[in-house]
Amino acid sequence: MKKFKLFFSLLLCFSLVAFSGCTEQIPKEDTIATVDGKAISKSEYMVYLYEATKDFNAIGGDDIWETDFDGQPAEEVVKERAFTTMLHVKVTADKAEKYQVSLSDAEKQTAKLDGDAELASMTQEQKELINISQEEMYHIMEETLLYQKIIYAITQDYQPSEADFNAYFEQNKQIQKNNYTQYVLNTILVADQQTAQEVIDRLQGGEDFQTLFELYEIDPQEKALGSRLETYKNRLDTAFGIDFHLEEGQISSPIATAEGYFVIQVLEKSIPDDTQLEELMRIDYTASMRQQVFTDELNQWLSETDVQRNETLYNSIEMIP
């Protein structure tokens, strides 16, 4: 659901390793960097910066820009993460021929639709600042799809050893049983804490959740999808930055997020048995190990890649409002 999409895309961005390579001055004024001699425009980098900025705002709101990240201001962290993400997509997409990966006509059409949606999401001020053409945007989206397909091509056949998984399962099953506690919820997103408390008071007074959802929910997409959500405790903990521990029938206090305030009602809560837990943990463990396989390959590519960044241009770039 949309409520969690941006947050998990932010986590993915932060999982990427830092770029390596030379960062020398490049005289061409609109070239932010070259990768093995291939120029990358400032406009292309600005698209990645736009996405990274949206992700930061989604999880932390305005307050995140006052946060210090191990001595680095938030703006510098976002700029570096955007550059790193762009570099990884570029370096990976360049391996398409090696792995016999290409885009079908349908996938190219998807890239165009994604590009149009990205442009439509920008304000006029942002469009002028980013200064990306429609064709350049389509190219970025095509490279992003290639990146995803190459990861799949590299990792699809990998299976961790049964012995390694069994050792992981035995070591972690108690804590993961708590993490994989499943919830069925009703949720309402409202604009402010006072409204959230008003919703809570009406629910505790016996009013129907669905009626209040139709009256108060502020997100049109969520309103179309409905109030019901099925998820796990670990995802709730991460998304909301809390230790979610409500029981069936309970209603949360107002939960503050960058989007507004959530009110949550627990409909069902179930703790997995060992068989269910093993299946869930196997899926996540395999995905994690496959990600490591790709990361190892990516790190090798990066060590062989000549990256030259135009530091003068890079340092002059201001954040996107």
C-alpha atoms as a PDB file:
ATOM      1  CA  MET A   1       0.000   0.000   0.000  1.00  0.00           C
ATOM      2  CA  LYS A   2       1.060   3.579  -0.599  1.00  0.00           C
ATOM      3  CA  LYS A   3       1.404   4.242   3.135  1.00  0.00           C
ATOM      4  CA  PHE A   4       4.544   2.100   3.253  1.00  0.00           C
ATOM      5  CA  LYS A   5       5.885   2.265  -0.304  1.00  0.00           C
ATOM      6  CA  LEU A   6       8.098   5.307   0.027  1.00  0.00           C
ATOM      7  CA  PHE A   7       9.584   4.227   3.299  1.00  0.00           C
ATOM      8  CA  PHE A   8      10.729   0.861   1.964  1.00  0.00           C
ATOM      9  CA  SER A   9      12.135   2.482  -1.166  1.00  0.00           C
ATOM     10  CA  LEU A  10      14.178   4.669   1.160  1.00  0.00           C
ATOM     11  CA  LEU A  11      15.494   1.593   2.984  1.00  0.00           C
ATOM     12  CA  LEU A  12      16.510   0.091  -0.352  1.00  0.00           C
ATOM     13  CA  CYS A  13      18.384   3.251  -1.261  1.00  0.00           C
ATOM     14  CA  PHE A  14      20.266   3.182   2.029  1.00  0.00           C
ATOM     15  CA  SER A  15      21.267  -0.449   1.530  1.00  0.00           C
ATOM     16  CA  LEU A  16      23.398   0.474  -1.476  1.00  0.00           C
ATOM     17  CA  VAL A  17      27.148   0.568  -0.996  1.00  0.00           C
ATOM     18  CA  ALA A  18      29.157   3.730  -1.593  1.00  0.00           C
ATOM     19  CA  PHE A  19      30.589   4.428  -5.016  1.00  0.00           C
ATOM     20  CA  SER A  20      34.272   4.038  -5.802  1.00  0.00           C
ATOM     21  CA  GLY A  21      36.484   5.507  -8.481  1.00  0.00           C
ATOM     22  CA  CYS A  22      38.288   8.684  -9.367  1.00  0.00           C
ATOM     23  CA  THR A  23      36.519  12.039  -8.862  1.00  0.00           C
ATOM     24  CA  GLU A  24      38.409  14.590 -10.957  1.00  0.00           C
ATOM     25  CA  GLN A  25      37.342  17.958 -12.318  1.00  0.00           C
ATOM     26  CA  ILE A  26      35.421  17.796 -15.605  1.00  0.00           C
ATOM     27  CA  PRO A  27      35.296  21.020 -17.602  1.00  0.00           C
ATOM     28  CA  LYS A  28      32.001  20.482 -19.428  1.00  0.00           C
ATOM     29  CA  GLU A  29      29.582  22.598 -17.419  1.00  0.00           C
ATOM     30  CA  ASP A  30      26.487  20.392 -17.691  1.00  0.00           C
ATOM     31  CA  THR A  31      28.246  17.055 -17.055  1.00  0.00           C
ATOM     32  CA  ILE A  32      27.926  15.928 -13.452  1.00  0.00           C
ATOM     33  CA  ALA A  33      30.165  12.872 -13.988  1.00  0.00           C
ATOM     34  CA  THR A  34      31.574  10.378 -16.446  1.00  0.00           C
ATOM     35  CA  VAL A  35      31.465   6.616 -15.997  1.00  0.00           C
ATOM     36  CA  ASP A  36      34.134   4.902 -18.080  1.00  0.00           C
ATOM     37  CA  GLY A  37      34.146   7.995 -20.270  1.00  0.00           C
ATOM     38  CA  LYS A  38      30.355   8.156 -20.744  1.00  0.00           C
ATOM     39  CA  ALA A  39      28.939  11.517 -19.702  1.00  0.00           C
ATOM     40  CA  ILE A  40      26.043  11.871 -17.256  1.00  0.00           C
ATOM     41  CA  SER A  41      24.161  15.141 -17.365  1.00  0.00           C
ATOM     42  CA  LYS A  42      23.317  17.303 -14.391  1.00  0.00           C
ATOM     43  CA  SER A  43      19.631  16.957 -15.349  1.00  0.00           C
ATOM     44  CA  GLU A  44      19.792  13.185 -15.032  1.00  0.00           C
ATOM     45  CA  TYR A  45      21.366  13.441 -11.595  1.00  0.00           C
ATOM     46  CA  MET A  46      18.662  15.927 -10.580  1.00  0.00           C
ATOM     47  CA  VAL A  47      15.982  13.294 -11.220  1.00  0.00           C
ATOM     48  CA  TYR A  48      17.692  10.943  -8.773  1.00  0.00           C
ATOM     49  CA  LEU A  49      18.066  13.809  -6.306  1.00  0.00           C
ATOM     50  CA  TYR A  50      14.355  14.563  -6.683  1.00  0.00           C
ATOM     51  CA  GLU A  51      13.454  10.971  -5.789  1.00  0.00           C
ATOM     52  CA  ALA A  52      15.873  10.813  -2.855  1.00  0.00           C
ATOM     53  CA  THR A  53      14.474  14.085  -1.521  1.00  0.00           C
ATOM     54  CA  LYS A  54      10.900  12.799  -1.747  1.00  0.00           C
ATOM     55  CA  ASP A  55      11.866   9.664   0.147  1.00  0.00           C
ATOM     56  CA  PHE A  56      13.519  11.627   2.943  1.00  0.00           C
ATOM     57  CA  ASN A  57      10.508  13.907   3.254  1.00  0.00           C
ATOM     58  CA  ALA A  58       8.138  10.932   3.307  1.00  0.00           C
ATOM     59  CA  ILE A  59       9.808   9.248   6.243  1.00  0.00           C
ATOM     60  CA  GLY A  60      11.065  12.181   8.282  1.00  0.00           C
ATOM     61  CA  GLY A  61       9.075  15.232   7.279  1.00  0.00           C
ATOM     62  CA  ASP A  62      10.609  18.683   7.626  1.00  0.00           C
ATOM     63  CA  ASP A  63      12.401  17.715  10.828  1.00  0.00           C
ATOM     64  CA  ILE A  64      14.703  15.285   9.042  1.00  0.00           C
ATOM     65  CA  TRP A  65      16.593  18.155   7.426  1.00  0.00           C
ATOM     66  CA  GLU A  66      17.795  19.221  10.869  1.00  0.00           C
ATOM     67  CA  THR A  67      19.162  15.724  11.585  1.00  0.00           C
ATOM     68  CA  ASP A  68      22.874  15.000  11.768  1.00  0.00           C
ATOM     69  CA  PHE A  69      23.948  11.686  10.211  1.00  0.00           C
ATOM     70  CA  ASP A  70      27.280  10.740  11.784  1.00  0.00           C
ATOM     71  CA  GLY A  71      28.610  14.241  11.299  1.00  0.00           C
ATOM     72  CA  GLN A  72      27.013  14.790   7.873  1.00  0.00           C
ATOM     73  CA  PRO A  73      24.074  17.151   7.370  1.00  0.00           C
ATOM     74  CA  ALA A  74      20.975  15.568   5.865  1.00  0.00           C
ATOM     75  CA  GLU A  75      21.329  17.506   2.601  1.00  0.00           C
ATOM     76  CA  GLU A  76      24.791  16.070   1.955  1.00  0.00           C
ATOM     77  CA  VAL A  77      23.594  12.563   2.782  1.00  0.00           C
ATOM     78  CA  VAL A  78      20.718  12.878   0.293  1.00  0.00           C
ATOM     79  CA  LYS A  79      22.995  14.239  -2.429  1.00  0.00           C
ATOM     80  CA  GLU A  80      25.481  11.400  -1.974  1.00  0.00           C
ATOM     81  CA  ARG A  81      22.769   8.738  -1.851  1.00  0.00           C
ATOM     82  CA  ALA A  82      21.242  10.092  -5.049  1.00  0.00           C
ATOM     83  CA  PHE A  83      24.630   9.997  -6.775  1.00  0.00           C
ATOM     84  CA  THR A  84      25.363   6.487  -5.510  1.00  0.00           C
ATOM     85  CA  THR A  85      21.976   5.173  -6.640  1.00  0.00           C
ATOM     86  CA  MET A  86      22.434   6.740 -10.079  1.00  0.00           C
ATOM     87  CA  LEU A  87      25.924   5.246 -10.392  1.00  0.00           C
ATOM     88  CA  HIS A  88      24.741   1.759  -9.451  1.00  0.00           C
ATOM     89  CA  VAL A  89      21.921   1.861 -11.982  1.00  0.00           C
ATOM     90  CA  LYS A  90      24.310   3.087 -14.684  1.00  0.00           C
ATOM     91  CA  VAL A  91      27.019   0.516 -13.998  1.00  0.00           C
ATOM     92  CA  THR A  92      24.494  -2.326 -13.772  1.00  0.00           C
ATOM     93  CA  ALA A  93      22.504  -1.350 -16.877  1.00  0.00           C
ATOM     94  CA  ASP A  94      25.776  -1.325 -18.805  1.00  0.00           C
ATOM     95  CA  LYS A  95      25.996  -5.101 -18.191  1.00  0.00           C
ATOM     96  CA  ALA A  96      22.771  -5.831 -20.089  1.00  0.00           C
ATOM     97  CA  GLU A  97      24.530  -7.340 -23.104  1.00  0.00           C
ATOM     98  CA  LYS A  98      26.754  -9.530 -20.905  1.00  0.00           C
ATOM     99  CA  TYR A  99      23.693 -11.069 -19.243  1.00  0.00           C
ATOM    100  CA  GLN A 100      21.619 -11.067 -22.452  1.00  0.00           C
ATOM    101  CA  VAL A 101      19.031  -8.801 -20.899  1.00  0.00           C
ATOM    102  CA  SER A 102      16.893  -6.416 -22.928  1.00  0.00           C
ATOM    103  CA  LEU A 103      13.548  -4.684 -22.682  1.00  0.00           C
ATOM    104  CA  SER A 104      10.505  -5.841 -24.564  1.00  0.00           C
ATOM    105  CA  ASP A 105       8.269  -3.369 -26.375  1.00  0.00           C
ATOM    106  CA  ALA A 106       5.784  -3.679 -23.512  1.00  0.00           C
ATOM    107  CA  GLU A 107       8.505  -2.880 -20.958  1.00  0.00           C
ATOM    108  CA  LYS A 108       9.629   0.129 -22.982  1.00  0.00           C
ATOM    109  CA  GLN A 109       6.033   1.322 -22.960  1.00  0.00           C
ATOM    110  CA  THR A 110       5.965   0.824 -19.183  1.00  0.00           C
ATOM    111  CA  ALA A 111       9.115   2.950 -18.943  1.00  0.00           C
ATOM    112  CA  LYS A 112       7.389   5.717 -20.876  1.00  0.00           C
ATOM    113  CA  LEU A 113       4.350   5.579 -18.612  1.00  0.00           C
ATOM    114  CA  ASP A 114       6.614   5.682 -15.552  1.00  0.00           C
ATOM    115  CA  GLY A 115       8.479   8.639 -17.034  1.00  0.00           C
ATOM    116  CA  ASP A 116       5.270  10.516 -17.748  1.00  0.00           C
ATOM    117  CA  ALA A 117       4.085   9.851 -14.188  1.00  0.00           C
ATOM    118  CA  GLU A 118       7.383  11.110 -12.775  1.00  0.00           C
ATOM    119  CA  LEU A 119       7.161  14.337 -14.769  1.00  0.00           C
ATOM    120  CA  ALA A 120       3.516  14.788 -13.778  1.00  0.00           C
ATOM    121  CA  SER A 121       4.472  14.496 -10.101  1.00  0.00           C
ATOM    122  CA  MET A 122       6.745  17.559 -10.332  1.00  0.00           C
ATOM    123  CA  THR A 123       5.714  21.135  -9.736  1.00  0.00           C
ATOM    124  CA  GLN A 124       6.538  23.711 -12.390  1.00  0.00           C
ATOM    125  CA  GLU A 125       9.347  25.039 -10.185  1.00  0.00           C
ATOM    126  CA  GLN A 126      10.804  21.550  -9.828  1.00  0.00           C
ATOM    127  CA  LYS A 127      10.582  20.913 -13.575  1.00  0.00           C
ATOM    128  CA  GLU A 128      12.481  24.116 -14.295  1.00  0.00           C
ATOM    129  CA  LEU A 129      15.151  23.269 -11.731  1.00  0.00           C
ATOM    130  CA  ILE A 130      15.585  19.658 -12.892  1.00  0.00           C
ATOM    131  CA  ASN A 131      15.395  20.595 -16.568  1.00  0.00           C
ATOM    132  CA  ILE A 132      14.990  17.060 -17.895  1.00  0.00           C
ATOM    133  CA  SER A 133      13.567  16.320 -21.328  1.00  0.00           C
ATOM    134  CA  GLN A 134      10.882  13.741 -21.871  1.00  0.00           C
ATOM    135  CA  GLU A 135      13.259  11.527 -23.870  1.00  0.00           C
ATOM    136  CA  GLU A 136      15.911  11.732 -21.153  1.00  0.00           C
ATOM    137  CA  MET A 137      13.301  10.768 -18.581  1.00  0.00           C
ATOM    138  CA  TYR A 138      12.271   7.759 -20.648  1.00  0.00           C
ATOM    139  CA  HIS A 139      15.923   6.701 -20.861  1.00  0.00           C
ATOM    140  CA  ILE A 140      16.286   6.895 -17.069  1.00  0.00           C
ATOM    141  CA  MET A 141      13.216   4.713 -16.604  1.00  0.00           C
ATOM    142  CA  GLU A 142      14.457   2.184 -19.172  1.00  0.00           C
ATOM    143  CA  GLU A 143      17.794   1.922 -17.357  1.00  0.00           C
ATOM    144  CA  THR A 144      15.945   1.417 -14.067  1.00  0.00           C
ATOM    145  CA  LEU A 145      14.011  -1.510 -15.578  1.00  0.00           C
ATOM    146  CA  LEU A 146      17.239  -2.965 -16.991  1.00  0.00           C
ATOM    147  CA  TYR A 147      18.822  -2.654 -13.545  1.00  0.00           C
ATOM    148  CA  GLN A 148      15.987  -4.671 -12.014  1.00  0.00           C
ATOM    149  CA  LYS A 149      16.090  -7.326 -14.745  1.00  0.00           C
ATOM    150  CA  ILE A 150      19.856  -7.763 -14.454  1.00  0.00           C
ATOM    151  CA  ILE A 151      19.598  -8.255 -10.693  1.00  0.00           C
ATOM    152  CA  TYR A 152      17.035 -10.963 -11.364  1.00  0.00           C
ATOM    153  CA  ALA A 153      19.203 -12.577 -14.058  1.00  0.00           C
ATOM    154  CA  ILE A 154      22.175 -12.744 -11.684  1.00  0.00           C
ATOM    155  CA  THR A 155      20.305 -13.996  -8.637  1.00  0.00           C
ATOM    156  CA  GLN A 156      17.329 -16.039  -9.867  1.00  0.00           C
ATOM    157  CA  ASP A 157      19.077 -19.419  -9.665  1.00  0.00           C
ATOM    158  CA  TYR A 158      20.800 -18.844  -6.333  1.00  0.00           C
ATOM    159  CA  GLN A 159      19.607 -20.996  -3.431  1.00  0.00           C
ATOM    160  CA  PRO A 160      21.253 -20.844   0.014  1.00  0.00           C
ATOM    161  CA  SER A 161      22.427 -24.114   1.487  1.00  0.00           C
ATOM    162  CA  GLU A 162      19.968 -25.942   3.705  1.00  0.00           C
ATOM    163  CA  ALA A 163      22.563 -26.150   6.475  1.00  0.00           C
ATOM    164  CA  ASP A 164      23.115 -22.381   6.443  1.00  0.00           C
ATOM    165  CA  PHE A 165      19.390 -21.678   6.526  1.00  0.00           C
ATOM    166  CA  ASN A 166      18.747 -24.183   9.320  1.00  0.00           C
ATOM    167  CA  ALA A 167      21.471 -22.591  11.433  1.00  0.00           C
ATOM    168  CA  TYR A 168      19.979 -19.141  10.770  1.00  0.00           C
ATOM    169  CA  PHE A 169      16.482 -20.381  11.613  1.00  0.00           C
ATOM    170  CA  GLU A 170      17.461 -21.947  14.926  1.00  0.00           C
ATOM    171  CA  GLN A 171      19.460 -18.908  15.964  1.00  0.00           C
ATOM    172  CA  ASN A 172      16.760 -16.360  15.113  1.00  0.00           C
ATOM    173  CA  LYS A 173      13.374 -18.075  15.347  1.00  0.00           C
ATOM    174  CA  GLN A 174      12.367 -16.687  18.748  1.00  0.00           C
ATOM    175  CA  ILE A 175      12.871 -13.046  17.870  1.00  0.00           C
ATOM    176  CA  GLN A 176      11.481 -13.569  14.380  1.00  0.00           C
ATOM    177  CA  LYS A 177       8.329 -15.165  15.758  1.00  0.00           C
ATOM    178  CA  ASN A 178       7.627 -11.810  17.372  1.00  0.00           C
ATOM    179  CA  ASN A 179       8.593  -9.899  14.217  1.00  0.00           C
ATOM    180  CA  TYR A 180       6.329 -12.044  12.045  1.00  0.00           C
ATOM    181  CA  THR A 181       3.280 -11.700  14.249  1.00  0.00           C
ATOM    182  CA  GLN A 182       0.581 -10.966  11.690  1.00  0.00           C
ATOM    183  CA  TYR A 183      -1.977  -8.196  12.060  1.00  0.00           C
ATOM    184  CA  VAL A 184      -5.192  -7.448  10.250  1.00  0.00           C
ATOM    185  CA  LEU A 185      -5.933  -3.768  10.771  1.00  0.00           C
ATOM    186  CA  ASN A 186      -8.251  -0.933  10.003  1.00  0.00           C
ATOM    187  CA  THR A 187      -6.423   2.363   9.401  1.00  0.00           C
ATOM    188  CA  ILE A 188      -7.418   5.993   8.973  1.00  0.00           C
ATOM    189  CA  LEU A 189      -5.034   8.782   7.998  1.00  0.00           C
ATOM    190  CA  VAL A 190      -5.999  12.314   9.064  1.00  0.00           C
ATOM    191  CA  ALA A 191      -4.254  15.665   8.860  1.00  0.00           C
ATOM    192  CA  ASP A 192      -3.600  16.512  12.514  1.00  0.00           C
ATOM    193  CA  GLN A 193      -3.484  15.124  16.033  1.00  0.00           C
ATOM    194  CA  GLN A 194      -6.678  16.818  17.152  1.00  0.00           C
ATOM    195  CA  THR A 195      -8.652  15.164  14.345  1.00  0.00           C
ATOM    196  CA  ALA A 196      -7.020  11.819  15.123  1.00  0.00           C
ATOM    197  CA  GLN A 197      -8.134  12.084  18.744  1.00  0.00           C
ATOM    198  CA  GLU A 198     -11.628  12.980  17.593  1.00  0.00           C
ATOM    199  CA  VAL A 199     -11.719   9.786  15.492  1.00  0.00           C
ATOM    200  CA  ILE A 200     -10.490   7.737  18.458  1.00  0.00           C
ATOM    201  CA  ASP A 201     -13.141   9.200  20.755  1.00  0.00           C
ATOM    202  CA  ARG A 202     -15.881   8.378  18.262  1.00  0.00           C
ATOM    203  CA  LEU A 203     -14.592   4.825  17.795  1.00  0.00           C
ATOM    204  CA  GLN A 204     -14.437   4.288  21.539  1.00  0.00           C
ATOM    205  CA  GLY A 205     -17.986   5.619  21.693  1.00  0.00           C
ATOM    206  CA  GLY A 206     -19.091   2.722  19.498  1.00  0.00           C
ATOM    207  CA  GLU A 207     -19.267   4.339  16.052  1.00  0.00           C
ATOM    208  CA  ASP A 208     -18.567   2.231  12.963  1.00  0.00           C
ATOM    209  CA  PHE A 209     -14.976   2.305  11.663  1.00  0.00           C
ATOM    210  CA  GLN A 210     -15.957   2.188   7.986  1.00  0.00           C
ATOM    211  CA  THR A 211     -18.318   5.110   8.394  1.00  0.00           C
ATOM    212  CA  LEU A 212     -15.575   7.162  10.032  1.00  0.00           C
ATOM    213  CA  PHE A 213     -13.071   6.046   7.384  1.00  0.00           C
ATOM    214  CA  GLU A 214     -15.290   7.430   4.637  1.00  0.00           C
ATOM    215  CA  LEU A 215     -15.701  10.652   6.604  1.00  0.00           C
ATOM    216  CA  TYR A 216     -12.102  11.300   7.706  1.00  0.00           C
ATOM    217  CA  GLU A 217      -9.582   9.507   5.432  1.00  0.00           C
ATOM    218  CA  ILE A 218      -7.527  12.180   3.607  1.00  0.00           C
ATOM    219  CA  ASP A 219      -5.656  10.020   1.065  1.00  0.00           C
ATOM    220  CA  PRO A 220      -7.777   9.503  -2.106  1.00  0.00           C
ATOM    221  CA  GLN A 221      -5.879   6.348  -3.098  1.00  0.00           C
ATOM    222  CA  GLU A 222      -6.333   4.772   0.317  1.00  0.00           C
ATOM    223  CA  LYS A 223      -9.976   5.782   0.270  1.00  0.00           C
ATOM    224  CA  ALA A 224     -10.394   3.884  -2.989  1.00  0.00           C
ATOM    225  CA  LEU A 225      -8.529   0.823  -1.640  1.00  0.00           C
ATOM    226  CA  GLY A 226     -10.324   0.731   1.699  1.00  0.00           C
ATOM    227  CA  SER A 227      -9.262   0.797   5.332  1.00  0.00           C
ATOM    228  CA  ARG A 228      -8.214  -2.851   5.722  1.00  0.00           C
ATOM    229  CA  LEU A 229      -4.517  -3.746   5.862  1.00  0.00           C
ATOM    230  CA  GLU A 230      -2.744  -7.075   6.463  1.00  0.00           C
ATOM    231  CA  THR A 231       0.896  -6.861   7.538  1.00  0.00           C
ATOM    232  CA  TYR A 232       3.516  -7.993  10.053  1.00  0.00           C
ATOM    233  CA  LYS A 233       4.734  -6.460  13.293  1.00  0.00           C
ATOM    234  CA  ASN A 234       8.249  -5.805  11.990  1.00  0.00           C
ATOM    235  CA  ARG A 235       6.865  -3.777   9.104  1.00  0.00           C
ATOM    236  CA  LEU A 236       4.652  -1.748  11.417  1.00  0.00           C
ATOM    237  CA  ASP A 237       7.551  -1.134  13.802  1.00  0.00           C
ATOM    238  CA  THR A 238       9.745   0.068  10.942  1.00  0.00           C
ATOM    239  CA  ALA A 239       7.122   2.148   9.152  1.00  0.00           C
ATOM    240  CA  PHE A 240       5.989   3.995  12.274  1.00  0.00           C
ATOM    241  CA  GLY A 241       9.162   3.911  14.366  1.00  0.00           C
ATOM    242  CA  ILE A 242       7.352   2.335  17.307  1.00  0.00           C
ATOM    243  CA  ASP A 243       7.059  -0.989  19.108  1.00  0.00           C
ATOM    244  CA  PHE A 244       3.629  -2.044  17.849  1.00  0.00           C
ATOM    245  CA  HIS A 245       2.066  -4.312  20.452  1.00  0.00           C
ATOM    246  CA  LEU A 246      -1.698  -3.749  20.412  1.00  0.00           C
ATOM    247  CA  GLU A 247      -4.069  -6.654  20.983  1.00  0.00           C
ATOM    248  CA  GLU A 248      -7.232  -7.602  19.080  1.00  0.00           C
ATOM    249  CA  GLY A 249      -9.946  -4.978  19.445  1.00  0.00           C
ATOM    250  CA  GLN A 250      -7.611  -2.238  20.674  1.00  0.00           C
ATOM    251  CA  ILE A 251      -7.337   1.194  19.090  1.00  0.00           C
ATOM    252  CA  SER A 252      -4.051   3.054  18.879  1.00  0.00           C
ATOM    253  CA  SER A 253      -3.250   6.515  20.112  1.00  0.00           C
ATOM    254  CA  PRO A 254      -2.594   9.034  17.293  1.00  0.00           C
ATOM    255  CA  ILE A 255       0.543   7.908  15.404  1.00  0.00           C
ATOM    256  CA  ALA A 256       2.496  10.785  13.868  1.00  0.00           C
ATOM    257  CA  THR A 257       4.041  10.360  10.389  1.00  0.00           C
ATOM    258  CA  ALA A 258       5.228  12.694   7.649  1.00  0.00           C
ATOM    259  CA  GLU A 259       1.882  12.148   5.880  1.00  0.00           C
ATOM    260  CA  GLY A 260      -0.288  12.995   8.868  1.00  0.00           C
ATOM    261  CA  TYR A 261      -1.662  11.057  11.841  1.00  0.00           C
ATOM    262  CA  PHE A 262      -2.780   7.446  11.726  1.00  0.00           C
ATOM    263  CA  VAL A 263      -5.459   5.821  13.850  1.00  0.00           C
ATOM    264  CA  ILE A 264      -5.254   2.026  13.842  1.00  0.00           C
ATOM    265  CA  GLN A 265      -7.737  -0.571  15.029  1.00  0.00           C
ATOM    266  CA  VAL A 266      -6.558  -4.177  15.440  1.00  0.00           C
ATOM    267  CA  LEU A 267      -9.026  -6.665  13.949  1.00  0.00           C
ATOM    268  CA  GLU A 268      -6.912  -9.826  14.209  1.00  0.00           C
ATOM    269  CA  LYS A 269      -3.525 -10.784  15.641  1.00  0.00           C
ATOM    270  CA  SER A 270      -1.880 -14.156  15.033  1.00  0.00           C
ATOM    271  CA  ILE A 271       1.516 -15.561  16.014  1.00  0.00           C
ATOM    272  CA  PRO A 272       2.966 -17.995  13.442  1.00  0.00           C
ATOM    273  CA  ASP A 273       3.680 -21.596  14.402  1.00  0.00           C
ATOM    274  CA  ASP A 274       7.119 -23.034  13.604  1.00  0.00           C
ATOM    275  CA  THR A 275       6.061 -24.304  10.171  1.00  0.00           C
ATOM    276  CA  GLN A 276       4.649 -20.945   9.114  1.00  0.00           C
ATOM    277  CA  LEU A 277       7.622 -19.119  10.602  1.00  0.00           C
ATOM    278  CA  GLU A 278      10.123 -21.302   8.752  1.00  0.00           C
ATOM    279  CA  GLU A 279       8.404 -20.550   5.440  1.00  0.00           C
ATOM    280  CA  LEU A 280       8.389 -16.790   6.081  1.00  0.00           C
ATOM    281  CA  MET A 281      11.989 -16.725   7.266  1.00  0.00           C
ATOM    282  CA  ARG A 282      13.132 -18.804   4.292  1.00  0.00           C
ATOM    283  CA  ILE A 283      11.640 -16.292   1.852  1.00  0.00           C
ATOM    284  CA  ASP A 284      13.349 -13.335   3.501  1.00  0.00           C
ATOM    285  CA  TYR A 285      16.638 -15.174   4.069  1.00  0.00           C
ATOM    286  CA  THR A 286      16.803 -16.239   0.430  1.00  0.00           C
ATOM    287  CA  ALA A 287      16.024 -12.697  -0.733  1.00  0.00           C
ATOM    288  CA  SER A 288      18.726 -11.326   1.560  1.00  0.00           C
ATOM    289  CA  MET A 289      21.321 -13.809   0.325  1.00  0.00           C
ATOM    290  CA  ARG A 290      20.420 -13.090  -3.293  1.00  0.00           C
ATOM    291  CA  GLN A 291      20.856  -9.380  -2.614  1.00  0.00           C
ATOM    292  CA  GLN A 292      24.304 -10.154  -1.204  1.00  0.00           C
ATOM    293  CA  VAL A 293      25.198 -12.118  -4.346  1.00  0.00           C
ATOM    294  CA  PHE A 294      24.307  -9.087  -6.447  1.00  0.00           C
ATOM    295  CA  THR A 295      26.084  -6.665  -4.093  1.00  0.00           C
ATOM    296  CA  ASP A 296      29.289  -8.696  -4.341  1.00  0.00           C
ATOM    297  CA  GLU A 297      29.064  -8.598  -8.130  1.00  0.00           C
ATOM    298  CA  LEU A 298      28.309  -4.880  -8.110  1.00  0.00           C
ATOM    299  CA  ASN A 299      31.269  -4.136  -5.865  1.00  0.00           C
ATOM    300  CA  GLN A 300      33.529  -5.949  -8.329  1.00  0.00           C
ATOM    301  CA  TRP A 301      32.139  -3.891 -11.201  1.00  0.00           C
ATOM    302  CA  LEU A 302      32.643  -0.677  -9.247  1.00  0.00           C
ATOM    303  CA  SER A 303      36.254  -1.553  -8.492  1.00  0.00           C
ATOM    304  CA  GLU A 304      36.844  -1.831 -12.251  1.00  0.00           C
ATOM    305  CA  THR A 305      34.941   1.350 -13.159  1.00  0.00           C
ATOM    306  CA  ASP A 306      36.499   4.777 -13.744  1.00  0.00           C
ATOM    307  CA  VAL A 307      34.156   7.338 -12.150  1.00  0.00           C
ATOM    308  CA  GLN A 308      35.026  11.005 -12.536  1.00  0.00           C
ATOM    309  CA  ARG A 309      32.738  13.503 -10.851  1.00  0.00           C
ATOM    310  CA  ASN A 310      32.608  17.210 -11.591  1.00  0.00           C
ATOM    311  CA  GLU A 311      33.066  18.345  -7.995  1.00  0.00           C
ATOM    312  CA  THR A 312      32.624  22.030  -8.823  1.00  0.00           C
ATOM    313  CA  LEU A 313      29.229  21.394 -10.411  1.00  0.00           C
ATOM    314  CA  TYR A 314      28.248  18.810  -7.797  1.00  0.00           C
ATOM    315  CA  ASN A 315      29.011  21.147  -4.908  1.00  0.00           C
ATOM    316  CA  SER A 316      27.030  23.966  -6.533  1.00  0.00           C
ATOM    317  CA  ILE A 317      23.800  21.942  -6.696  1.00  0.00           C
ATOM    318  CA  GLU A 318      21.118  23.054  -4.268  1.00  0.00           C
ATOM    319  CA  MET A 319      18.365  20.890  -2.867  1.00  0.00           C
ATOM    320  CA  ILE A 320      15.072  20.531  -4.731  1.00  0.00           C
ATOM    321  CA  PRO A 321      12.167  22.217  -2.884  1.00  0.00           C
END
